[in-house]
Amino acid sequence: MIGVAKDEEELLAEMRRLSEVDPKAVEYHLAQGHIRAWLDYIGRGDLASLLGDVKSLADAVKLLSDAMLGWDSELTCPGCGFKGRVRDFKLLRPPWYFGKYLGRSLQCPRCGLKFRYFYPLAQGGRPYTVPKGKGI
C-alpha cells in the first residue's frame, strides 16, 4: 500500500505527496477510474465527475485544489437561506477563474437552486453569489 485517504482533503494531500514519490501509481489509478469511483463511494460524485477526462496527475491535483479552495467557508443559499459550508453544496462543473475570484456553479442541497458563488483570491475581497440572496 502506498497511501491512505479518508476524505477528499486527504486524497489531495496524498496525490501531492505521491507526485514526488511515485507519480505513475497515481496516474494508473486516474486512468483506471479508481479515484473517481472512490470519490463517488464517499458521496463526492461532484468531484468525481470533474476528473472524467483527466489523465495527468498535475491536472488532477490542480483541478481538485481549485475545487476545494475556500471549501470550509460559510455559505447561505440565495434561494431558501440554507446555511452550510461550501463543501455542503453540490459542485455542478469545474471551478473557473474570474478576475480576482474563483467561480463555482453550485446547487443547494435543500431547495435545489442552482447558483454561482465567487470566492475571493485576494486578501480583503468579499465572496458573493449570483443571484444575490433575498434581502441583500
N, C-alpha and C. Protein backbone atom coordinates (compact mmCIF):
# COMPACT_ATOMS: atom_id res chain seq x y z
N MET A 1 0.85 -1.17 0.00
CA MET A 1 0.00 0.00 0.00
C MET A 1 0.90 1.24 0.00
N ILE A 2 0.55 2.21 -0.83
CA ILE A 2 1.39 3.41 -0.94
C ILE A 2 0.77 4.65 -0.31
N GLY A 3 -0.53 4.60 0.01
CA GLY A 3 -1.17 5.75 0.61
C GLY A 3 -2.58 5.44 1.07
N VAL A 4 -3.08 6.25 2.00
CA VAL A 4 -4.43 6.08 2.54
C VAL A 4 -5.08 7.45 2.64
N ALA A 5 -6.37 7.53 2.31
CA ALA A 5 -7.12 8.78 2.45
C ALA A 5 -8.51 8.45 2.97
N LYS A 6 -9.01 9.28 3.90
CA LYS A 6 -10.35 9.09 4.44
C LYS A 6 -11.36 10.06 3.85
N ASP A 7 -10.86 11.14 3.25
CA ASP A 7 -11.76 12.14 2.66
C ASP A 7 -11.03 12.84 1.52
N GLU A 8 -11.71 13.79 0.90
CA GLU A 8 -11.15 14.44 -0.28
C GLU A 8 -9.90 15.27 0.03
N GLU A 9 -9.83 15.86 1.22
CA GLU A 9 -8.63 16.63 1.57
C GLU A 9 -7.41 15.72 1.71
N GLU A 10 -7.61 14.57 2.36
CA GLU A 10 -6.50 13.63 2.49
C GLU A 10 -6.10 13.05 1.13
N LEU A 11 -7.08 12.84 0.25
CA LEU A 11 -6.78 12.37 -1.10
C LEU A 11 -5.87 13.37 -1.81
N LEU A 12 -6.22 14.63 -1.75
CA LEU A 12 -5.40 15.65 -2.40
C LEU A 12 -3.99 15.69 -1.80
N ALA A 13 -3.89 15.60 -0.48
CA ALA A 13 -2.57 15.59 0.17
C ALA A 13 -1.75 14.38 -0.27
N GLU A 14 -2.39 13.23 -0.36
CA GLU A 14 -1.69 12.02 -0.81
C GLU A 14 -1.28 12.13 -2.27
N MET A 15 -2.13 12.70 -3.09
CA MET A 15 -1.78 12.86 -4.51
C MET A 15 -0.57 13.79 -4.65
N ARG A 16 -0.54 14.84 -3.85
CA ARG A 16 0.62 15.75 -3.88
C ARG A 16 1.89 15.02 -3.42
N ARG A 17 1.77 14.27 -2.34
CA ARG A 17 2.92 13.53 -1.81
C ARG A 17 3.41 12.51 -2.83
N LEU A 18 2.47 11.76 -3.41
CA LEU A 18 2.85 10.71 -4.35
C LEU A 18 3.37 11.26 -5.67
N SER A 19 3.04 12.51 -5.98
CA SER A 19 3.59 13.10 -7.21
C SER A 19 5.10 13.20 -7.11
N GLU A 20 5.62 13.26 -5.88
CA GLU A 20 7.07 13.31 -5.67
C GLU A 20 7.67 11.90 -5.59
N VAL A 21 6.91 10.96 -5.04
CA VAL A 21 7.43 9.62 -4.74
C VAL A 21 7.16 8.62 -5.86
N ASP A 22 5.90 8.54 -6.30
CA ASP A 22 5.51 7.53 -7.29
C ASP A 22 4.36 8.05 -8.17
N PRO A 23 4.63 9.01 -9.04
CA PRO A 23 3.56 9.60 -9.85
C PRO A 23 2.86 8.60 -10.78
N LYS A 24 3.58 7.59 -11.24
CA LYS A 24 2.99 6.60 -12.15
C LYS A 24 1.86 5.82 -11.47
N ALA A 25 1.98 5.59 -10.18
CA ALA A 25 0.93 4.86 -9.45
C ALA A 25 -0.37 5.66 -9.46
N VAL A 26 -0.27 6.96 -9.21
CA VAL A 26 -1.47 7.79 -9.19
C VAL A 26 -2.05 7.92 -10.60
N GLU A 27 -1.19 8.07 -11.60
CA GLU A 27 -1.68 8.16 -12.98
C GLU A 27 -2.38 6.88 -13.41
N TYR A 28 -1.90 5.73 -12.93
CA TYR A 28 -2.56 4.46 -13.21
C TYR A 28 -3.97 4.47 -12.63
N HIS A 29 -4.10 4.87 -11.36
CA HIS A 29 -5.42 4.88 -10.71
C HIS A 29 -6.35 5.91 -11.34
N LEU A 30 -5.80 7.02 -11.80
CA LEU A 30 -6.61 8.00 -12.54
C LEU A 30 -7.13 7.39 -13.83
N ALA A 31 -6.23 6.78 -14.60
CA ALA A 31 -6.59 6.21 -15.90
C ALA A 31 -7.62 5.08 -15.76
N GLN A 32 -7.51 4.30 -14.68
CA GLN A 32 -8.43 3.18 -14.47
C GLN A 32 -9.76 3.60 -13.86
N GLY A 33 -9.88 4.87 -13.44
CA GLY A 33 -11.12 5.35 -12.85
C GLY A 33 -11.28 5.03 -11.37
N HIS A 34 -10.23 4.53 -10.73
CA HIS A 34 -10.32 4.15 -9.32
C HIS A 34 -10.57 5.35 -8.41
N ILE A 35 -9.93 6.46 -8.72
CA ILE A 35 -10.09 7.65 -7.87
C ILE A 35 -11.50 8.22 -8.03
N ARG A 36 -12.01 8.23 -9.26
CA ARG A 36 -13.41 8.69 -9.48
C ARG A 36 -14.38 7.78 -8.73
N ALA A 37 -14.16 6.47 -8.82
CA ALA A 37 -15.06 5.51 -8.14
C ALA A 37 -15.03 5.73 -6.63
N TRP A 38 -13.85 5.95 -6.07
CA TRP A 38 -13.74 6.19 -4.63
C TRP A 38 -14.45 7.48 -4.23
N LEU A 39 -14.27 8.54 -5.01
CA LEU A 39 -14.95 9.80 -4.70
C LEU A 39 -16.47 9.61 -4.76
N ASP A 40 -16.96 8.85 -5.74
CA ASP A 40 -18.40 8.53 -5.80
C ASP A 40 -18.82 7.78 -4.54
N TYR A 41 -18.02 6.82 -4.12
CA TYR A 41 -18.32 5.99 -2.96
C TYR A 41 -18.45 6.82 -1.68
N ILE A 42 -17.58 7.85 -1.52
CA ILE A 42 -17.66 8.65 -0.29
C ILE A 42 -18.68 9.79 -0.42
N GLY A 43 -19.45 9.78 -1.52
CA GLY A 43 -20.51 10.78 -1.67
C GLY A 43 -20.06 12.06 -2.34
N ARG A 44 -18.92 12.06 -3.01
CA ARG A 44 -18.43 13.25 -3.70
C ARG A 44 -18.44 13.02 -5.20
N GLY A 45 -19.60 12.61 -5.71
CA GLY A 45 -19.76 12.41 -7.15
C GLY A 45 -19.49 13.67 -7.94
N ASP A 46 -19.74 14.83 -7.31
CA ASP A 46 -19.48 16.10 -7.99
C ASP A 46 -17.98 16.24 -8.30
N LEU A 47 -17.13 15.89 -7.33
CA LEU A 47 -15.68 15.94 -7.57
C LEU A 47 -15.26 14.84 -8.54
N ALA A 48 -15.87 13.67 -8.41
CA ALA A 48 -15.54 12.55 -9.31
C ALA A 48 -15.80 12.94 -10.76
N SER A 49 -16.91 13.62 -11.01
CA SER A 49 -17.26 13.99 -12.38
C SER A 49 -16.25 14.97 -12.97
N LEU A 50 -15.59 15.76 -12.13
CA LEU A 50 -14.59 16.69 -12.62
C LEU A 50 -13.37 15.96 -13.20
N LEU A 51 -13.11 14.78 -12.68
CA LEU A 51 -11.92 14.03 -13.10
C LEU A 51 -12.17 13.14 -14.32
N GLY A 52 -13.35 13.24 -14.90
CA GLY A 52 -13.75 12.38 -16.01
C GLY A 52 -12.71 12.17 -17.10
N ASP A 53 -12.17 13.24 -17.66
CA ASP A 53 -11.23 13.12 -18.77
C ASP A 53 -9.79 13.40 -18.37
N VAL A 54 -9.54 13.60 -17.09
CA VAL A 54 -8.20 13.95 -16.63
C VAL A 54 -7.33 12.70 -16.56
N LYS A 55 -6.18 12.75 -17.21
CA LYS A 55 -5.24 11.62 -17.18
C LYS A 55 -3.94 12.00 -16.49
N SER A 56 -3.60 13.28 -16.48
CA SER A 56 -2.34 13.73 -15.91
C SER A 56 -2.50 14.01 -14.42
N LEU A 57 -1.51 13.60 -13.64
CA LEU A 57 -1.52 13.83 -12.21
C LEU A 57 -1.52 15.32 -11.90
N ALA A 58 -0.71 16.09 -12.61
CA ALA A 58 -0.65 17.55 -12.37
C ALA A 58 -2.01 18.19 -12.62
N ASP A 59 -2.70 17.78 -13.69
CA ASP A 59 -4.02 18.34 -13.98
C ASP A 59 -5.04 17.96 -12.91
N ALA A 60 -4.98 16.72 -12.43
CA ALA A 60 -5.90 16.26 -11.39
C ALA A 60 -5.68 17.02 -10.09
N VAL A 61 -4.42 17.21 -9.70
CA VAL A 61 -4.12 17.94 -8.47
C VAL A 61 -4.58 19.38 -8.60
N LYS A 62 -4.33 20.02 -9.73
CA LYS A 62 -4.76 21.42 -9.94
C LYS A 62 -6.28 21.53 -9.87
N LEU A 63 -6.97 20.62 -10.54
CA LEU A 63 -8.44 20.65 -10.57
C LEU A 63 -9.03 20.46 -9.18
N LEU A 64 -8.53 19.47 -8.43
CA LEU A 64 -9.04 19.24 -7.08
C LEU A 64 -8.66 20.38 -6.14
N SER A 65 -7.46 20.93 -6.29
CA SER A 65 -7.04 22.06 -5.45
C SER A 65 -7.97 23.25 -5.66
N ASP A 66 -8.24 23.56 -6.93
CA ASP A 66 -9.13 24.68 -7.25
C ASP A 66 -10.54 24.43 -6.72
N ALA A 67 -11.02 23.20 -6.90
CA ALA A 67 -12.38 22.87 -6.47
C ALA A 67 -12.54 22.99 -4.97
N MET A 68 -11.47 22.75 -4.21
CA MET A 68 -11.57 22.76 -2.75
C MET A 68 -11.08 24.06 -2.12
N LEU A 69 -10.70 25.03 -2.91
CA LEU A 69 -10.29 26.33 -2.38
C LEU A 69 -11.48 27.00 -1.70
N GLY A 70 -11.33 27.40 -0.46
CA GLY A 70 -12.44 28.02 0.27
C GLY A 70 -13.53 27.04 0.65
N TRP A 71 -13.21 25.76 0.64
CA TRP A 71 -14.14 24.66 0.89
C TRP A 71 -14.89 24.78 2.20
N ASP A 72 -14.22 25.32 3.23
CA ASP A 72 -14.83 25.40 4.55
C ASP A 72 -15.46 26.76 4.84
N SER A 73 -15.53 27.62 3.85
CA SER A 73 -16.16 28.94 4.04
C SER A 73 -17.66 28.76 4.24
N GLU A 74 -18.22 29.64 5.07
CA GLU A 74 -19.66 29.63 5.30
C GLU A 74 -20.37 30.17 4.05
N LEU A 75 -21.52 29.59 3.75
CA LEU A 75 -22.29 30.00 2.57
C LEU A 75 -23.78 29.86 2.88
N THR A 76 -24.56 30.82 2.42
CA THR A 76 -26.01 30.79 2.58
C THR A 76 -26.64 30.71 1.20
N CYS A 77 -27.57 29.77 1.01
CA CYS A 77 -28.27 29.64 -0.27
C CYS A 77 -29.05 30.92 -0.54
N PRO A 78 -28.89 31.52 -1.72
CA PRO A 78 -29.64 32.74 -2.02
C PRO A 78 -31.13 32.51 -2.22
N GLY A 79 -31.55 31.26 -2.34
CA GLY A 79 -32.97 30.96 -2.54
C GLY A 79 -33.72 30.69 -1.25
N CYS A 80 -33.25 29.70 -0.47
CA CYS A 80 -34.00 29.26 0.71
C CYS A 80 -33.36 29.66 2.03
N GLY A 81 -32.13 30.19 1.98
CA GLY A 81 -31.46 30.60 3.21
C GLY A 81 -30.72 29.49 3.94
N PHE A 82 -30.65 28.29 3.33
CA PHE A 82 -29.90 27.18 3.94
C PHE A 82 -28.47 27.64 4.21
N LYS A 83 -28.01 27.41 5.44
CA LYS A 83 -26.64 27.79 5.82
C LYS A 83 -25.78 26.53 5.94
N GLY A 84 -24.60 26.61 5.35
CA GLY A 84 -23.67 25.49 5.42
C GLY A 84 -22.31 25.93 4.94
N ARG A 85 -21.45 24.99 4.76
CA ARG A 85 -20.13 25.26 4.21
C ARG A 85 -20.19 25.02 2.70
N VAL A 86 -19.25 25.59 1.97
CA VAL A 86 -19.23 25.42 0.52
C VAL A 86 -19.26 23.93 0.17
N ARG A 87 -18.55 23.11 0.93
CA ARG A 87 -18.49 21.67 0.67
C ARG A 87 -19.86 20.99 0.76
N ASP A 88 -20.82 21.61 1.46
CA ASP A 88 -22.16 21.03 1.61
C ASP A 88 -23.02 21.19 0.37
N PHE A 89 -22.62 22.06 -0.53
CA PHE A 89 -23.36 22.32 -1.76
C PHE A 89 -22.78 21.48 -2.89
N LYS A 90 -23.62 21.03 -3.81
CA LYS A 90 -23.15 20.21 -4.93
C LYS A 90 -22.42 21.08 -5.94
N LEU A 91 -21.24 20.65 -6.33
CA LEU A 91 -20.45 21.34 -7.35
C LEU A 91 -20.92 20.83 -8.71
N LEU A 92 -21.43 21.73 -9.57
CA LEU A 92 -22.03 21.32 -10.83
C LEU A 92 -21.06 21.26 -12.00
N ARG A 93 -19.97 21.98 -11.92
CA ARG A 93 -18.97 21.98 -13.01
C ARG A 93 -17.64 22.41 -12.43
N PRO A 94 -16.57 22.23 -13.18
CA PRO A 94 -15.26 22.65 -12.66
C PRO A 94 -15.23 24.15 -12.35
N PRO A 95 -14.51 24.53 -11.31
CA PRO A 95 -14.39 25.95 -10.98
C PRO A 95 -13.62 26.69 -12.08
N TRP A 96 -13.80 28.00 -12.13
CA TRP A 96 -13.11 28.82 -13.12
C TRP A 96 -12.62 30.09 -12.45
N TYR A 97 -11.62 30.70 -13.07
CA TYR A 97 -11.09 31.97 -12.55
C TYR A 97 -11.82 33.12 -13.22
N PHE A 98 -12.23 34.09 -12.40
CA PHE A 98 -12.96 35.26 -12.87
C PHE A 98 -12.33 36.47 -12.20
N GLY A 99 -11.35 37.08 -12.89
CA GLY A 99 -10.63 38.19 -12.29
C GLY A 99 -9.92 37.73 -11.02
N LYS A 100 -10.23 38.39 -9.92
CA LYS A 100 -9.61 38.05 -8.63
C LYS A 100 -10.48 37.10 -7.82
N TYR A 101 -11.34 36.35 -8.51
CA TYR A 101 -12.25 35.41 -7.85
C TYR A 101 -12.15 34.03 -8.48
N LEU A 102 -12.52 33.03 -7.68
CA LEU A 102 -12.70 31.68 -8.17
C LEU A 102 -14.21 31.46 -8.24
N GLY A 103 -14.72 31.18 -9.42
CA GLY A 103 -16.16 30.97 -9.60
C GLY A 103 -16.53 29.51 -9.49
N ARG A 104 -17.70 29.27 -8.91
CA ARG A 104 -18.22 27.91 -8.80
C ARG A 104 -19.70 27.92 -9.16
N SER A 105 -20.12 26.88 -9.83
CA SER A 105 -21.53 26.67 -10.10
C SER A 105 -21.98 25.63 -9.08
N LEU A 106 -22.91 26.01 -8.20
CA LEU A 106 -23.33 25.15 -7.09
C LEU A 106 -24.83 24.89 -7.11
N GLN A 107 -25.24 23.87 -6.37
CA GLN A 107 -26.66 23.57 -6.20
C GLN A 107 -26.93 23.35 -4.72
N CYS A 108 -27.99 23.98 -4.24
CA CYS A 108 -28.37 23.88 -2.83
C CYS A 108 -28.90 22.47 -2.52
N PRO A 109 -28.43 21.87 -1.42
CA PRO A 109 -28.92 20.54 -1.06
C PRO A 109 -30.36 20.54 -0.55
N ARG A 110 -30.85 21.70 -0.11
CA ARG A 110 -32.21 21.76 0.42
C ARG A 110 -33.24 22.07 -0.67
N CYS A 111 -33.07 23.20 -1.37
CA CYS A 111 -34.10 23.63 -2.32
C CYS A 111 -33.76 23.30 -3.78
N GLY A 112 -32.50 22.90 -4.05
CA GLY A 112 -32.11 22.54 -5.41
C GLY A 112 -31.77 23.72 -6.31
N LEU A 113 -31.78 24.94 -5.76
CA LEU A 113 -31.45 26.12 -6.56
C LEU A 113 -30.02 26.03 -7.09
N LYS A 114 -29.85 26.33 -8.37
CA LYS A 114 -28.53 26.39 -8.98
C LYS A 114 -28.10 27.85 -9.00
N PHE A 115 -26.89 28.10 -8.52
CA PHE A 115 -26.40 29.48 -8.48
C PHE A 115 -24.89 29.49 -8.59
N ARG A 116 -24.33 30.65 -8.80
CA ARG A 116 -22.88 30.80 -8.88
C ARG A 116 -22.36 31.47 -7.61
N TYR A 117 -21.22 30.98 -7.16
CA TYR A 117 -20.58 31.50 -5.96
C TYR A 117 -19.17 31.92 -6.34
N PHE A 118 -18.81 33.16 -5.98
CA PHE A 118 -17.49 33.69 -6.31
C PHE A 118 -16.70 33.90 -5.02
N TYR A 119 -15.59 33.19 -4.93
CA TYR A 119 -14.73 33.21 -3.75
C TYR A 119 -13.51 34.08 -4.05
N PRO A 120 -13.21 35.06 -3.19
CA PRO A 120 -12.09 35.98 -3.46
C PRO A 120 -10.73 35.30 -3.33
N LEU A 121 -9.85 35.56 -4.29
CA LEU A 121 -8.49 35.03 -4.24
C LEU A 121 -7.56 36.02 -3.55
N ALA A 122 -7.93 37.29 -3.57
CA ALA A 122 -7.09 38.34 -2.96
C ALA A 122 -7.58 38.62 -1.53
N GLN A 123 -6.63 38.99 -0.69
CA GLN A 123 -6.94 39.37 0.69
C GLN A 123 -7.89 40.56 0.69
N GLY A 124 -8.90 40.55 1.51
CA GLY A 124 -9.82 41.68 1.64
C GLY A 124 -11.02 41.61 0.71
N GLY A 125 -11.03 40.68 -0.24
CA GLY A 125 -12.18 40.54 -1.13
C GLY A 125 -13.34 39.88 -0.39
N ARG A 126 -14.55 40.12 -0.87
CA ARG A 126 -15.73 39.52 -0.24
C ARG A 126 -16.37 38.54 -1.20
N PRO A 127 -16.77 37.35 -0.69
CA PRO A 127 -17.46 36.40 -1.56
C PRO A 127 -18.86 36.92 -1.90
N TYR A 128 -19.38 36.49 -3.04
CA TYR A 128 -20.74 36.85 -3.40
C TYR A 128 -21.37 35.75 -4.26
N THR A 129 -22.70 35.78 -4.33
CA THR A 129 -23.44 34.80 -5.13
C THR A 129 -24.21 35.52 -6.23
N VAL A 130 -24.50 34.79 -7.29
CA VAL A 130 -25.37 35.25 -8.37
C VAL A 130 -26.37 34.12 -8.58
N PRO A 131 -27.66 34.32 -8.38
CA PRO A 131 -28.27 35.59 -7.98
C PRO A 131 -27.96 35.91 -6.51
N LYS A 132 -28.13 37.18 -6.18
CA LYS A 132 -27.94 37.60 -4.79
C LYS A 132 -29.05 37.02 -3.93
N GLY A 133 -28.76 36.89 -2.65
CA GLY A 133 -29.74 36.36 -1.72
C GLY A 133 -30.87 37.33 -1.46
N LYS A 134 -31.95 36.81 -0.94
CA LYS A 134 -33.11 37.64 -0.60
C LYS A 134 -32.72 38.64 0.48
N GLY A 135 -33.12 39.86 0.32
CA GLY A 135 -32.85 40.88 1.31
C GLY A 135 -31.46 41.47 1.24
N ILE A 136 -30.73 41.15 0.17
CA ILE A 136 -29.36 41.69 0.04
C ILE A 136 -29.37 42.84 -0.94
